[in-house]
Amino acid sequence: MLLRQLAPALGLQSADLLALAGIPIPDELAPLDATAGQLIPQLVDHAVFLPSEGRGELLRYVRSQPGPTWLN
């Protein structure tokens, strides 16, 4: 599909561009765990108490993961 090929040129993930276009996201592009986002507030609550080095390590790990390009 052309939109999937266009996404990287626009700095977007394919699934994000499909969603913006109102096109259903194929299963292979869907998140593996739809409930994982619910854990983000708890993760942030724990992360704020990490020492500076720990927060830096967490940030490097998050940036190394596939996801929206605005994280990088």
C-alpha atoms as a PDB file:
ATOM      1  CA  MET A   1       0.000   0.000   0.000  1.00  0.00           C
ATOM      2  CA  LEU A   2       1.352   3.402  -0.960  1.00  0.00           C
ATOM      3  CA  LEU A   3       0.642   5.014   2.421  1.00  0.00           C
ATOM      4  CA  ARG A   4       2.807   2.430   4.186  1.00  0.00           C
ATOM      5  CA  GLN A   5       5.704   3.322   1.879  1.00  0.00           C
ATOM      6  CA  LEU A   6       5.081   7.055   2.299  1.00  0.00           C
ATOM      7  CA  ALA A   7       5.006   7.010   6.111  1.00  0.00           C
ATOM      8  CA  PRO A   8       8.803   6.937   6.730  1.00  0.00           C
ATOM      9  CA  ALA A   9       9.331   9.841   4.313  1.00  0.00           C
ATOM     10  CA  LEU A  10       6.884  11.858   6.425  1.00  0.00           C
ATOM     11  CA  GLY A  11       8.554  10.826   9.681  1.00  0.00           C
ATOM     12  CA  LEU A  12       5.556   8.716  10.732  1.00  0.00           C
ATOM     13  CA  GLN A  13       4.941   5.114  11.587  1.00  0.00           C
ATOM     14  CA  SER A  14       2.797   3.307   9.011  1.00  0.00           C
ATOM     15  CA  ALA A  15       0.040   2.619  11.529  1.00  0.00           C
ATOM     16  CA  ASP A  16      -0.095   6.304  12.509  1.00  0.00           C
ATOM     17  CA  LEU A  17      -0.444   7.453   8.907  1.00  0.00           C
ATOM     18  CA  LEU A  18      -3.148   4.876   8.218  1.00  0.00           C
ATOM     19  CA  ALA A  19      -5.029   6.036  11.307  1.00  0.00           C
ATOM     20  CA  LEU A  20      -4.752   9.675  10.212  1.00  0.00           C
ATOM     21  CA  ALA A  21      -6.125   8.681   6.811  1.00  0.00           C
ATOM     22  CA  GLY A  22      -9.037   6.851   8.433  1.00  0.00           C
ATOM     23  CA  ILE A  23      -7.931   3.489   7.060  1.00  0.00           C
ATOM     24  CA  PRO A  24      -8.235   0.397   9.284  1.00  0.00           C
ATOM     25  CA  ILE A  25      -4.875  -0.687  10.680  1.00  0.00           C
ATOM     26  CA  PRO A  26      -3.877  -4.222   9.625  1.00  0.00           C
ATOM     27  CA  ASP A  27      -3.294  -6.723  12.424  1.00  0.00           C
ATOM     28  CA  GLU A  28       0.451  -6.889  11.714  1.00  0.00           C
ATOM     29  CA  LEU A  29       0.747  -3.150  12.482  1.00  0.00           C
ATOM     30  CA  ALA A  30      -1.517  -3.130  15.530  1.00  0.00           C
ATOM     31  CA  PRO A  31       0.029  -2.989  19.018  1.00  0.00           C
ATOM     32  CA  LEU A  32       0.736  -6.397  20.504  1.00  0.00           C
ATOM     33  CA  ASP A  33      -0.909  -5.487  23.800  1.00  0.00           C
ATOM     34  CA  ALA A  34      -3.782  -3.040  23.545  1.00  0.00           C
ATOM     35  CA  THR A  35      -3.926  -2.682  27.349  1.00  0.00           C
ATOM     36  CA  ALA A  36      -0.262  -1.711  27.776  1.00  0.00           C
ATOM     37  CA  GLY A  37      -1.058   2.002  27.508  1.00  0.00           C
ATOM     38  CA  GLN A  38      -3.013   1.802  30.741  1.00  0.00           C
ATOM     39  CA  LEU A  39       0.251   1.175  32.601  1.00  0.00           C
ATOM     40  CA  ILE A  40       1.910   4.422  31.490  1.00  0.00           C
ATOM     41  CA  PRO A  41       0.700   6.559  34.443  1.00  0.00           C
ATOM     42  CA  GLN A  42       2.053   3.980  36.897  1.00  0.00           C
ATOM     43  CA  LEU A  43       5.360   3.843  35.006  1.00  0.00           C
ATOM     44  CA  VAL A  44       5.657   7.632  35.176  1.00  0.00           C
ATOM     45  CA  ASP A  45       4.858   7.603  38.897  1.00  0.00           C
ATOM     46  CA  HIS A  46       7.769   5.213  39.443  1.00  0.00           C
ATOM     47  CA  ALA A  47      10.115   6.945  36.988  1.00  0.00           C
ATOM     48  CA  VAL A  48       9.971  10.329  38.739  1.00  0.00           C
ATOM     49  CA  PHE A  49      11.577   8.759  41.821  1.00  0.00           C
ATOM     50  CA  LEU A  50      14.509   7.282  39.894  1.00  0.00           C
ATOM     51  CA  PRO A  51      17.886   8.925  40.348  1.00  0.00           C
ATOM     52  CA  SER A  52      19.035  11.048  37.406  1.00  0.00           C
ATOM     53  CA  GLU A  53      21.116   8.195  35.976  1.00  0.00           C
ATOM     54  CA  GLY A  54      18.114   5.855  36.121  1.00  0.00           C
ATOM     55  CA  ARG A  55      15.887   8.340  34.333  1.00  0.00           C
ATOM     56  CA  GLY A  56      18.537   8.734  31.647  1.00  0.00           C
ATOM     57  CA  GLU A  57      18.789   4.976  31.232  1.00  0.00           C
ATOM     58  CA  LEU A  58      14.994   4.688  30.988  1.00  0.00           C
ATOM     59  CA  LEU A  59      14.867   7.468  28.382  1.00  0.00           C
ATOM     60  CA  ARG A  60      17.583   5.801  26.293  1.00  0.00           C
ATOM     61  CA  TYR A  61      15.683   2.515  26.459  1.00  0.00           C
ATOM     62  CA  VAL A  62      12.394   4.123  25.411  1.00  0.00           C
ATOM     63  CA  ARG A  63      14.073   5.929  22.528  1.00  0.00           C
ATOM     64  CA  SER A  64      15.597   2.656  21.324  1.00  0.00           C
ATOM     65  CA  GLN A  65      12.163   1.060  20.952  1.00  0.00           C
ATOM     66  CA  PRO A  66      10.109   1.207  17.745  1.00  0.00           C
ATOM     67  CA  GLY A  67       7.416   3.809  18.000  1.00  0.00           C
ATOM     68  CA  PRO A  68       6.455   7.324  17.026  1.00  0.00           C
ATOM     69  CA  THR A  69       9.353   9.275  15.588  1.00  0.00           C
ATOM     70  CA  TRP A  70       8.670  12.242  17.901  1.00  0.00           C
ATOM     71  CA  LEU A  71      10.152  10.162  20.732  1.00  0.00           C
ATOM     72  CA  ASN A  72      13.577  10.264  19.128  1.00  0.00           C
END
